[in-house]
Amino acid sequence: MGKMVSENAVIVFARRGCCMSHVVKRLLLGLGVNPAVYEVDEEDEINKGNGIDQKVQFPAVFIGGKLFGGLDRIMATHISGELIPVLKEAKALWL
């Protein structure tokens, strides 16, 4: 997973068929970003770490090799006008 994140300016880890994941993907595409998308099936969502089952939150968006956040963070930064500069800095947008 770390290699995928580092090799893509923007990558979205999404639950297959999730409407929130669809919104994130459509917003990024609408802005001119072509994000890499890794879809996860529901049965693969449990992260077994330290003997404790933890549910991973989707969608998870990585920009510039770092976890940026989910739908709420993407929408908040888009509305405030901060998303485009972040995407440009990560070389996900050229203009």
PDB file of N, CA and C in Angstrom:
ATOM      1  N   MET A   1       0.822  -1.188   0.000  1.00  0.00           N
ATOM      2  CA  MET A   1       0.000   0.000   0.000  1.00  0.00           C
ATOM      3  C   MET A   1       0.866   1.252   0.000  1.00  0.00           C
ATOM      4  N   GLY A   2       1.947   1.254   0.763  1.00  0.00           N
ATOM      5  CA  GLY A   2       2.823   2.415   0.818  1.00  0.00           C
ATOM      6  C   GLY A   2       3.391   2.786  -0.536  1.00  0.00           C
ATOM      7  N   LYS A   3       3.706   1.777  -1.337  1.00  0.00           N
ATOM      8  CA  LYS A   3       4.238   2.026  -2.677  1.00  0.00           C
ATOM      9  C   LYS A   3       3.189   2.691  -3.567  1.00  0.00           C
ATOM     10  N   MET A   4       1.945   2.224  -3.488  1.00  0.00           N
ATOM     11  CA  MET A   4       0.867   2.834  -4.275  1.00  0.00           C
ATOM     12  C   MET A   4       0.694   4.293  -3.908  1.00  0.00           C
ATOM     13  N   VAL A   5       0.731   4.590  -2.614  1.00  0.00           N
ATOM     14  CA  VAL A   5       0.537   5.960  -2.139  1.00  0.00           C
ATOM     15  C   VAL A   5       1.670   6.854  -2.628  1.00  0.00           C
ATOM     16  N   SER A   6       2.890   6.365  -2.550  1.00  0.00           N
ATOM     17  CA  SER A   6       4.030   7.193  -2.943  1.00  0.00           C
ATOM     18  C   SER A   6       4.139   7.381  -4.454  1.00  0.00           C
ATOM     19  N   GLU A   7       3.595   6.467  -5.234  1.00  0.00           N
ATOM     20  CA  GLU A   7       3.703   6.539  -6.689  1.00  0.00           C
ATOM     21  C   GLU A   7       2.604   7.373  -7.350  1.00  0.00           C
ATOM     22  N   ASN A   8       1.577   7.778  -6.609  1.00  0.00           N
ATOM     23  CA  ASN A   8       0.461   8.519  -7.174  1.00  0.00           C
ATOM     24  C   ASN A   8       0.301   9.863  -6.473  1.00  0.00           C
ATOM     25  N   ALA A   9       0.090  10.918  -7.269  1.00  0.00           N
ATOM     26  CA  ALA A   9      -0.126  12.243  -6.681  1.00  0.00           C
ATOM     27  C   ALA A   9      -1.385  12.235  -5.816  1.00  0.00           C
ATOM     28  N   VAL A  10      -2.426  11.556  -6.297  1.00  0.00           N
ATOM     29  CA  VAL A  10      -3.681  11.430  -5.548  1.00  0.00           C
ATOM     30  C   VAL A  10      -4.169   9.996  -5.684  1.00  0.00           C
ATOM     31  N   ILE A  11      -4.471   9.393  -4.564  1.00  0.00           N
ATOM     32  CA  ILE A  11      -5.050   8.048  -4.580  1.00  0.00           C
ATOM     33  C   ILE A  11      -6.208   8.010  -3.597  1.00  0.00           C
ATOM     34  N   VAL A  12      -7.275   7.380  -4.025  1.00  0.00           N
ATOM     35  CA  VAL A  12      -8.480   7.248  -3.205  1.00  0.00           C
ATOM     36  C   VAL A  12      -8.677   5.772  -2.894  1.00  0.00           C
ATOM     37  N   PHE A  13      -8.700   5.454  -1.615  1.00  0.00           N
ATOM     38  CA  PHE A  13      -9.065   4.110  -1.173  1.00  0.00           C
ATOM     39  C   PHE A  13     -10.543   4.170  -0.848  1.00  0.00           C
ATOM     40  N   ALA A  14     -11.334   3.376  -1.558  1.00  0.00           N
ATOM     41  CA  ALA A  14     -12.776   3.502  -1.482  1.00  0.00           C
ATOM     42  C   ALA A  14     -13.442   2.146  -1.287  1.00  0.00           C
ATOM     43  N   ARG A  15     -14.590   2.176  -0.638  1.00  0.00           N
ATOM     44  CA  ARG A  15     -15.420   0.983  -0.527  1.00  0.00           C
ATOM     45  C   ARG A  15     -16.198   0.848  -1.834  1.00  0.00           C
ATOM     46  N   ARG A  16     -16.170  -0.323  -2.400  1.00  0.00           N
ATOM     47  CA  ARG A  16     -16.887  -0.576  -3.654  1.00  0.00           C
ATOM     48  C   ARG A  16     -18.377  -0.287  -3.474  1.00  0.00           C
ATOM     49  N   GLY A  17     -18.911   0.581  -4.338  1.00  0.00           N
ATOM     50  CA  GLY A  17     -20.335   0.900  -4.316  1.00  0.00           C
ATOM     51  C   GLY A  17     -20.742   1.941  -3.288  1.00  0.00           C
ATOM     52  N   CYS A  18     -19.797   2.556  -2.595  1.00  0.00           N
ATOM     53  CA  CYS A  18     -20.108   3.543  -1.552  1.00  0.00           C
ATOM     54  C   CYS A  18     -20.399   4.903  -2.193  1.00  0.00           C
ATOM     55  N   CYS A  19     -21.514   5.516  -1.823  1.00  0.00           N
ATOM     56  CA  CYS A  19     -21.888   6.801  -2.410  1.00  0.00           C
ATOM     57  C   CYS A  19     -20.914   7.915  -2.006  1.00  0.00           C
ATOM     58  N   MET A  20     -20.373   7.874  -0.797  1.00  0.00           N
ATOM     59  CA  MET A  20     -19.415   8.902  -0.365  1.00  0.00           C
ATOM     60  C   MET A  20     -18.117   8.789  -1.160  1.00  0.00           C
ATOM     61  N   SER A  21     -17.701   7.574  -1.437  1.00  0.00           N
ATOM     62  CA  SER A  21     -16.514   7.370  -2.265  1.00  0.00           C
ATOM     63  C   SER A  21     -16.759   7.881  -3.679  1.00  0.00           C
ATOM     64  N   HIS A  22     -17.952   7.655  -4.180  1.00  0.00           N
ATOM     65  CA  HIS A  22     -18.318   8.132  -5.513  1.00  0.00           C
ATOM     66  C   HIS A  22     -18.254   9.655  -5.572  1.00  0.00           C
ATOM     67  N   VAL A  23     -18.731  10.333  -4.538  1.00  0.00           N
ATOM     68  CA  VAL A  23     -18.704  11.798  -4.499  1.00  0.00           C
ATOM     69  C   VAL A  23     -17.269  12.317  -4.535  1.00  0.00           C
ATOM     70  N   VAL A  24     -16.385  11.700  -3.748  1.00  0.00           N
ATOM     71  CA  VAL A  24     -14.978  12.115  -3.732  1.00  0.00           C
ATOM     72  C   VAL A  24     -14.362  11.942  -5.116  1.00  0.00           C
ATOM     73  N   LYS A  25     -14.585  10.791  -5.732  1.00  0.00           N
ATOM     74  CA  LYS A  25     -14.020  10.536  -7.054  1.00  0.00           C
ATOM     75  C   LYS A  25     -14.549  11.534  -8.078  1.00  0.00           C
ATOM     76  N   ARG A  26     -15.853  11.798  -8.057  1.00  0.00           N
ATOM     77  CA  ARG A  26     -16.457  12.725  -9.028  1.00  0.00           C
ATOM     78  C   ARG A  26     -15.961  14.153  -8.823  1.00  0.00           C
ATOM     79  N   LEU A  27     -15.794  14.572  -7.576  1.00  0.00           N
ATOM     80  CA  LEU A  27     -15.287  15.917  -7.300  1.00  0.00           C
ATOM     81  C   LEU A  27     -13.874  16.065  -7.855  1.00  0.00           C
ATOM     82  N   LEU A  28     -13.015  15.110  -7.565  1.00  0.00           N
ATOM     83  CA  LEU A  28     -11.639  15.180  -8.050  1.00  0.00           C
ATOM     84  C   LEU A  28     -11.586  15.156  -9.571  1.00  0.00           C
ATOM     85  N   LEU A  29     -12.363  14.292 -10.192  1.00  0.00           N
ATOM     86  CA  LEU A  29     -12.413  14.245 -11.650  1.00  0.00           C
ATOM     87  C   LEU A  29     -12.925  15.566 -12.220  1.00  0.00           C
ATOM     88  N   GLY A  30     -13.929  16.155 -11.574  1.00  0.00           N
ATOM     89  CA  GLY A  30     -14.485  17.432 -12.012  1.00  0.00           C
ATOM     90  C   GLY A  30     -13.483  18.575 -11.928  1.00  0.00           C
ATOM     91  N   LEU A  31     -12.532  18.471 -11.005  1.00  0.00           N
ATOM     92  CA  LEU A  31     -11.505  19.499 -10.872  1.00  0.00           C
ATOM     93  C   LEU A  31     -10.357  19.286 -11.861  1.00  0.00           C
ATOM     94  N   GLY A  32     -10.369  18.157 -12.559  1.00  0.00           N
ATOM     95  CA  GLY A  32      -9.323  17.869 -13.529  1.00  0.00           C
ATOM     96  C   GLY A  32      -8.243  16.937 -13.017  1.00  0.00           C
ATOM     97  N   VAL A  33      -8.453  16.364 -11.838  1.00  0.00           N
ATOM     98  CA  VAL A  33      -7.510  15.412 -11.267  1.00  0.00           C
ATOM     99  C   VAL A  33      -7.909  14.020 -11.728  1.00  0.00           C
ATOM    100  N   ASN A  34      -6.929  13.220 -12.067  1.00  0.00           N
ATOM    101  CA  ASN A  34      -7.198  11.831 -12.437  1.00  0.00           C
ATOM    102  C   ASN A  34      -6.638  10.945 -11.320  1.00  0.00           C
ATOM    103  N   PRO A  35      -7.412  10.762 -10.239  1.00  0.00           N
ATOM    104  CA  PRO A  35      -6.876  10.024  -9.097  1.00  0.00           C
ATOM    105  C   PRO A  35      -6.800   8.524  -9.375  1.00  0.00           C
ATOM    106  N   ALA A  36      -5.798   7.902  -8.793  1.00  0.00           N
ATOM    107  CA  ALA A  36      -5.779   6.447  -8.774  1.00  0.00           C
ATOM    108  C   ALA A  36      -6.831   6.021  -7.757  1.00  0.00           C
ATOM    109  N   VAL A  37      -7.545   4.959  -8.040  1.00  0.00           N
ATOM    110  CA  VAL A  37      -8.602   4.500  -7.145  1.00  0.00           C
ATOM    111  C   VAL A  37      -8.371   3.028  -6.832  1.00  0.00           C
ATOM    112  N   TYR A  38      -8.366   2.725  -5.549  1.00  0.00           N
ATOM    113  CA  TYR A  38      -8.250   1.344  -5.096  1.00  0.00           C
ATOM    114  C   TYR A  38      -9.529   1.021  -4.356  1.00  0.00           C
ATOM    115  N   GLU A  39     -10.339   0.136  -4.933  1.00  0.00           N
ATOM    116  CA  GLU A  39     -11.630  -0.203  -4.318  1.00  0.00           C
ATOM    117  C   GLU A  39     -11.501  -1.453  -3.460  1.00  0.00           C
ATOM    118  N   VAL A  40     -12.129  -1.386  -2.301  1.00  0.00           N
ATOM    119  CA  VAL A  40     -12.074  -2.458  -1.320  1.00  0.00           C
ATOM    120  C   VAL A  40     -13.464  -3.056  -1.167  1.00  0.00           C
ATOM    121  N   ASP A  41     -13.543  -4.380  -1.137  1.00  0.00           N
ATOM    122  CA  ASP A  41     -14.814  -5.039  -0.868  1.00  0.00           C
ATOM    123  C   ASP A  41     -15.113  -4.970   0.620  1.00  0.00           C
ATOM    124  N   GLU A  42     -16.375  -5.040   0.971  1.00  0.00           N
ATOM    125  CA  GLU A  42     -16.797  -4.910   2.368  1.00  0.00           C
ATOM    126  C   GLU A  42     -16.125  -5.932   3.281  1.00  0.00           C
ATOM    127  N   GLU A  43     -15.956  -7.163   2.809  1.00  0.00           N
ATOM    128  CA  GLU A  43     -15.359  -8.195   3.665  1.00  0.00           C
ATOM    129  C   GLU A  43     -13.869  -7.952   3.909  1.00  0.00           C
ATOM    130  N   ASP A  44     -13.250  -7.083   3.117  1.00  0.00           N
ATOM    131  CA  ASP A  44     -11.831  -6.766   3.291  1.00  0.00           C
ATOM    132  C   ASP A  44     -11.596  -5.536   4.167  1.00  0.00           C
ATOM    133  N   GLU A  45     -12.663  -4.955   4.709  1.00  0.00           N
ATOM    134  CA  GLU A  45     -12.545  -3.701   5.456  1.00  0.00           C
ATOM    135  C   GLU A  45     -11.954  -3.841   6.845  1.00  0.00           C
ATOM    136  N   ILE A  46     -12.015  -4.987   7.435  1.00  0.00           N
ATOM    137  CA  ILE A  46     -11.517  -5.150   8.801  1.00  0.00           C
ATOM    138  C   ILE A  46      -9.999  -5.192   8.782  1.00  0.00           C
ATOM    139  N   ASN A  47      -9.380  -4.332   9.567  1.00  0.00           N
ATOM    140  CA  ASN A  47      -7.922  -4.279   9.696  1.00  0.00           C
ATOM    141  C   ASN A  47      -7.543  -4.975  10.995  1.00  0.00           C
ATOM    142  N   LYS A  48      -6.892  -6.107  10.879  1.00  0.00           N
ATOM    143  CA  LYS A  48      -6.510  -6.864  12.079  1.00  0.00           C
ATOM    144  C   LYS A  48      -5.130  -6.398  12.521  1.00  0.00           C
ATOM    145  N   GLY A  49      -5.109  -5.613  13.570  1.00  0.00           N
ATOM    146  CA  GLY A  49      -3.841  -5.100  14.083  1.00  0.00           C
ATOM    147  C   GLY A  49      -3.785  -5.277  15.578  1.00  0.00           C
ATOM    148  N   ASN A  50      -2.687  -5.796  16.092  1.00  0.00           N
ATOM    149  CA  ASN A  50      -2.499  -6.007  17.530  1.00  0.00           C
ATOM    150  C   ASN A  50      -3.600  -6.867  18.136  1.00  0.00           C
ATOM    151  N   GLY A  51      -4.150  -7.794  17.369  1.00  0.00           N
ATOM    152  CA  GLY A  51      -5.178  -8.688  17.886  1.00  0.00           C
ATOM    153  C   GLY A  51      -6.546  -8.045  18.015  1.00  0.00           C
ATOM    154  N   ILE A  52      -6.683  -6.795  17.557  1.00  0.00           N
ATOM    155  CA  ILE A  52      -7.955  -6.077  17.667  1.00  0.00           C
ATOM    156  C   ILE A  52      -8.457  -5.789  16.263  1.00  0.00           C
ATOM    157  N   ASP A  53      -9.726  -6.120  16.017  1.00  0.00           N
ATOM    158  CA  ASP A  53     -10.323  -5.803  14.723  1.00  0.00           C
ATOM    159  C   ASP A  53     -10.701  -4.329  14.708  1.00  0.00           C
ATOM    160  N   GLN A  54     -10.218  -3.619  13.692  1.00  0.00           N
ATOM    161  CA  GLN A  54     -10.528  -2.204  13.553  1.00  0.00           C
ATOM    162  C   GLN A  54     -11.137  -1.976  12.180  1.00  0.00           C
ATOM    163  N   LYS A  55     -12.221  -1.243  12.130  1.00  0.00           N
ATOM    164  CA  LYS A  55     -12.854  -0.933  10.862  1.00  0.00           C
ATOM    165  C   LYS A  55     -12.170   0.300  10.262  1.00  0.00           C
ATOM    166  N   VAL A  56     -11.740   0.200   9.019  1.00  0.00           N
ATOM    167  CA  VAL A  56     -11.084   1.298   8.330  1.00  0.00           C
ATOM    168  C   VAL A  56     -12.152   2.233   7.785  1.00  0.00           C
ATOM    169  N   GLN A  57     -11.913   3.533   7.869  1.00  0.00           N
ATOM    170  CA  GLN A  57     -12.869   4.517   7.375  1.00  0.00           C
ATOM    171  C   GLN A  57     -12.617   4.800   5.899  1.00  0.00           C
ATOM    172  N   PHE A  58     -13.646   4.709   5.086  1.00  0.00           N
ATOM    173  CA  PHE A  58     -13.559   4.999   3.663  1.00  0.00           C
ATOM    174  C   PHE A  58     -14.531   6.098   3.309  1.00  0.00           C
ATOM    175  N   PRO A  59     -14.246   6.918   2.336  1.00  0.00           N
ATOM    176  CA  PRO A  59     -13.044   6.927   1.530  1.00  0.00           C
ATOM    177  C   PRO A  59     -11.867   7.551   2.282  1.00  0.00           C
ATOM    178  N   ALA A  60     -10.679   7.109   1.936  1.00  0.00           N
ATOM    179  CA  ALA A  60      -9.439   7.673   2.472  1.00  0.00           C
ATOM    180  C   ALA A  60      -8.659   8.227   1.291  1.00  0.00           C
ATOM    181  N   VAL A  61      -8.378   9.525   1.334  1.00  0.00           N
ATOM    182  CA  VAL A  61      -7.713  10.194   0.224  1.00  0.00           C
ATOM    183  C   VAL A  61      -6.284  10.553   0.630  1.00  0.00           C
ATOM    184  N   PHE A  62      -5.336  10.137  -0.194  1.00  0.00           N
ATOM    185  CA  PHE A  62      -3.935  10.486   0.000  1.00  0.00           C
ATOM    186  C   PHE A  62      -3.551  11.465  -1.093  1.00  0.00           C
ATOM    187  N   ILE A  63      -2.971  12.594  -0.693  1.00  0.00           N
ATOM    188  CA  ILE A  63      -2.512  13.598  -1.649  1.00  0.00           C
ATOM    189  C   ILE A  63      -1.039  13.854  -1.368  1.00  0.00           C
ATOM    190  N   GLY A  64      -0.238  13.746  -2.403  1.00  0.00           N
ATOM    191  CA  GLY A  64       1.192  13.977  -2.246  1.00  0.00           C
ATOM    192  C   GLY A  64       1.868  13.007  -1.298  1.00  0.00           C
ATOM    193  N   GLY A  65       1.373  11.784  -1.247  1.00  0.00           N
ATOM    194  CA  GLY A  65       1.982  10.755  -0.414  1.00  0.00           C
ATOM    195  C   GLY A  65       1.571  10.780   1.047  1.00  0.00           C
ATOM    196  N   LYS A  66       0.648  11.678   1.414  1.00  0.00           N
ATOM    197  CA  LYS A  66       0.216  11.790   2.810  1.00  0.00           C
ATOM    198  C   LYS A  66      -1.299  11.661   2.909  1.00  0.00           C
ATOM    199  N   LEU A  67      -1.751  11.077   4.007  1.00  0.00           N
ATOM    200  CA  LEU A  67      -3.196  10.976   4.229  1.00  0.00           C
ATOM    201  C   LEU A  67      -3.767  12.372   4.361  1.00  0.00           C
ATOM    202  N   PHE A  68      -4.691  12.717   3.469  1.00  0.00           N
ATOM    203  CA  PHE A  68      -5.327  14.031   3.500  1.00  0.00           C
ATOM    204  C   PHE A  68      -6.605  13.987   4.318  1.00  0.00           C
ATOM    205  N   GLY A  69      -7.367  12.910   4.177  1.00  0.00           N
ATOM    206  CA  GLY A  69      -8.609  12.773   4.925  1.00  0.00           C
ATOM    207  C   GLY A  69      -9.675  12.084   4.108  1.00  0.00           C
ATOM    208  N   GLY A  70     -10.894  12.243   4.552  1.00  0.00           N
ATOM    209  CA  GLY A  70     -12.034  11.630   3.888  1.00  0.00           C
ATOM    210  C   GLY A  70     -12.889  12.664   3.194  1.00  0.00           C
ATOM    211  N   LEU A  71     -14.136  12.310   2.967  1.00  0.00           N
ATOM    212  CA  LEU A  71     -15.067  13.180   2.264  1.00  0.00           C
ATOM    213  C   LEU A  71     -15.212  14.523   2.959  1.00  0.00           C
ATOM    214  N   ASP A  72     -15.322  14.535   4.281  1.00  0.00           N
ATOM    215  CA  ASP A  72     -15.523  15.791   4.999  1.00  0.00           C
ATOM    216  C   ASP A  72     -14.358  16.756   4.791  1.00  0.00           C
ATOM    217  N   ARG A  73     -13.135  16.264   4.841  1.00  0.00           N
ATOM    218  CA  ARG A  73     -11.958  17.129   4.660  1.00  0.00           C
ATOM    219  C   ARG A  73     -11.855  17.603   3.214  1.00  0.00           C
ATOM    220  N   ILE A  74     -12.123  16.716   2.260  1.00  0.00           N
ATOM    221  CA  ILE A  74     -12.086  17.094   0.840  1.00  0.00           C
ATOM    222  C   ILE A  74     -13.110  18.189   0.569  1.00  0.00           C
ATOM    223  N   MET A  75     -14.336  18.003   1.055  1.00  0.00           N
ATOM    224  CA  MET A  75     -15.396  18.995   0.814  1.00  0.00           C
ATOM    225  C   MET A  75     -15.088  20.324   1.498  1.00  0.00           C
ATOM    226  N   ALA A  76     -14.612  20.276   2.743  1.00  0.00           N
ATOM    227  CA  ALA A  76     -14.321  21.511   3.479  1.00  0.00           C
ATOM    228  C   ALA A  76     -13.223  22.315   2.788  1.00  0.00           C
ATOM    229  N   THR A  77     -12.164  21.642   2.347  1.00  0.00           N
ATOM    230  CA  THR A  77     -11.080  22.373   1.693  1.00  0.00           C
ATOM    231  C   THR A  77     -11.481  22.838   0.293  1.00  0.00           C
ATOM    232  N   HIS A  78     -12.348  22.103  -0.365  1.00  0.00           N
ATOM    233  CA  HIS A  78     -12.850  22.543  -1.667  1.00  0.00           C
ATOM    234  C   HIS A  78     -13.700  23.802  -1.504  1.00  0.00           C
ATOM    235  N   ILE A  79     -14.603  23.791  -0.548  1.00  0.00           N
ATOM    236  CA  ILE A  79     -15.486  24.939  -0.329  1.00  0.00           C
ATOM    237  C   ILE A  79     -14.693  26.181   0.085  1.00  0.00           C
ATOM    238  N   SER A  80     -13.651  25.992   0.888  1.00  0.00           N
ATOM    239  CA  SER A  80     -12.847  27.129   1.349  1.00  0.00           C
ATOM    240  C   SER A  80     -11.858  27.616   0.291  1.00  0.00           C
ATOM    241  N   GLY A  81     -11.706  26.869  -0.803  1.00  0.00           N
ATOM    242  CA  GLY A  81     -10.784  27.252  -1.861  1.00  0.00           C
ATOM    243  C   GLY A  81      -9.360  26.781  -1.637  1.00  0.00           C
ATOM    244  N   GLU A  82      -9.139  25.965  -0.633  1.00  0.00           N
ATOM    245  CA  GLU A  82      -7.793  25.497  -0.307  1.00  0.00           C
ATOM    246  C   GLU A  82      -7.398  24.211  -1.037  1.00  0.00           C
ATOM    247  N   LEU A  83      -8.352  23.517  -1.637  1.00  0.00           N
ATOM    248  CA  LEU A  83      -8.051  22.215  -2.246  1.00  0.00           C
ATOM    249  C   LEU A  83      -7.199  22.347  -3.510  1.00  0.00           C
ATOM    250  N   ILE A  84      -7.519  23.296  -4.366  1.00  0.00           N
ATOM    251  CA  ILE A  84      -6.788  23.450  -5.626  1.00  0.00           C
ATOM    252  C   ILE A  84      -5.293  23.703  -5.370  1.00  0.00           C
ATOM    253  N   PRO A  85      -4.910  24.623  -4.473  1.00  0.00           N
ATOM    254  CA  PRO A  85      -3.478  24.797  -4.208  1.00  0.00           C
ATOM    255  C   PRO A  85      -2.802  23.531  -3.670  1.00  0.00           C
ATOM    256  N   VAL A  86      -3.500  22.762  -2.846  1.00  0.00           N
ATOM    257  CA  VAL A  86      -2.938  21.513  -2.322  1.00  0.00           C
ATOM    258  C   VAL A  86      -2.706  20.534  -3.471  1.00  0.00           C
ATOM    259  N   LEU A  87      -3.660  20.446  -4.376  1.00  0.00           N
ATOM    260  CA  LEU A  87      -3.526  19.544  -5.521  1.00  0.00           C
ATOM    261  C   LEU A  87      -2.417  19.997  -6.459  1.00  0.00           C
ATOM    262  N   LYS A  88      -2.275  21.306  -6.640  1.00  0.00           N
ATOM    263  CA  LYS A  88      -1.192  21.825  -7.484  1.00  0.00           C
ATOM    264  C   LYS A  88       0.165  21.527  -6.856  1.00  0.00           C
ATOM    265  N   GLU A  89       0.277  21.694  -5.557  1.00  0.00           N
ATOM    266  CA  GLU A  89       1.532  21.427  -4.864  1.00  0.00           C
ATOM    267  C   GLU A  89       1.940  19.958  -4.994  1.00  0.00           C
ATOM    268  N   ALA A  90       0.939  19.071  -4.994  1.00  0.00           N
ATOM    269  CA  ALA A  90       1.203  17.642  -5.138  1.00  0.00           C
ATOM    270  C   ALA A  90       1.407  17.224  -6.591  1.00  0.00           C
ATOM    271  N   LYS A  91       1.349  18.196  -7.498  1.00  0.00           N
ATOM    272  CA  LYS A  91       1.501  17.957  -8.941  1.00  0.00           C
ATOM    273  C   LYS A  91       0.378  17.094  -9.520  1.00  0.00           C
ATOM    274  N   ALA A  92      -0.806  17.222  -8.920  1.00  0.00           N
ATOM    275  CA  ALA A  92      -1.982  16.524  -9.426  1.00  0.00           C
ATOM    276  C   ALA A  92      -2.731  17.399 -10.416  1.00  0.00           C
ATOM    277  N   LEU A  93      -2.478  18.711 -10.362  1.00  0.00           N
ATOM    278  CA  LEU A  93      -3.046  19.678 -11.312  1.00  0.00           C
ATOM    279  C   LEU A  93      -1.907  20.494 -11.870  1.00  0.00           C
ATOM    280  N   TRP A  94      -1.996  20.832 -13.145  1.00  0.00           N
ATOM    281  CA  TRP A  94      -0.916  21.572 -13.785  1.00  0.00           C
ATOM    282  C   TRP A  94      -1.259  23.030 -13.993  1.00  0.00           C
ATOM    283  N   LEU A  95      -2.520  23.374 -14.139  1.00  0.00           N
ATOM    284  CA  LEU A  95      -2.913  24.775 -14.423  1.00  0.00           C
ATOM    285  C   LEU A  95      -3.518  25.427 -13.220  1.00  0.00           C
TER     286      LEU A  95
END
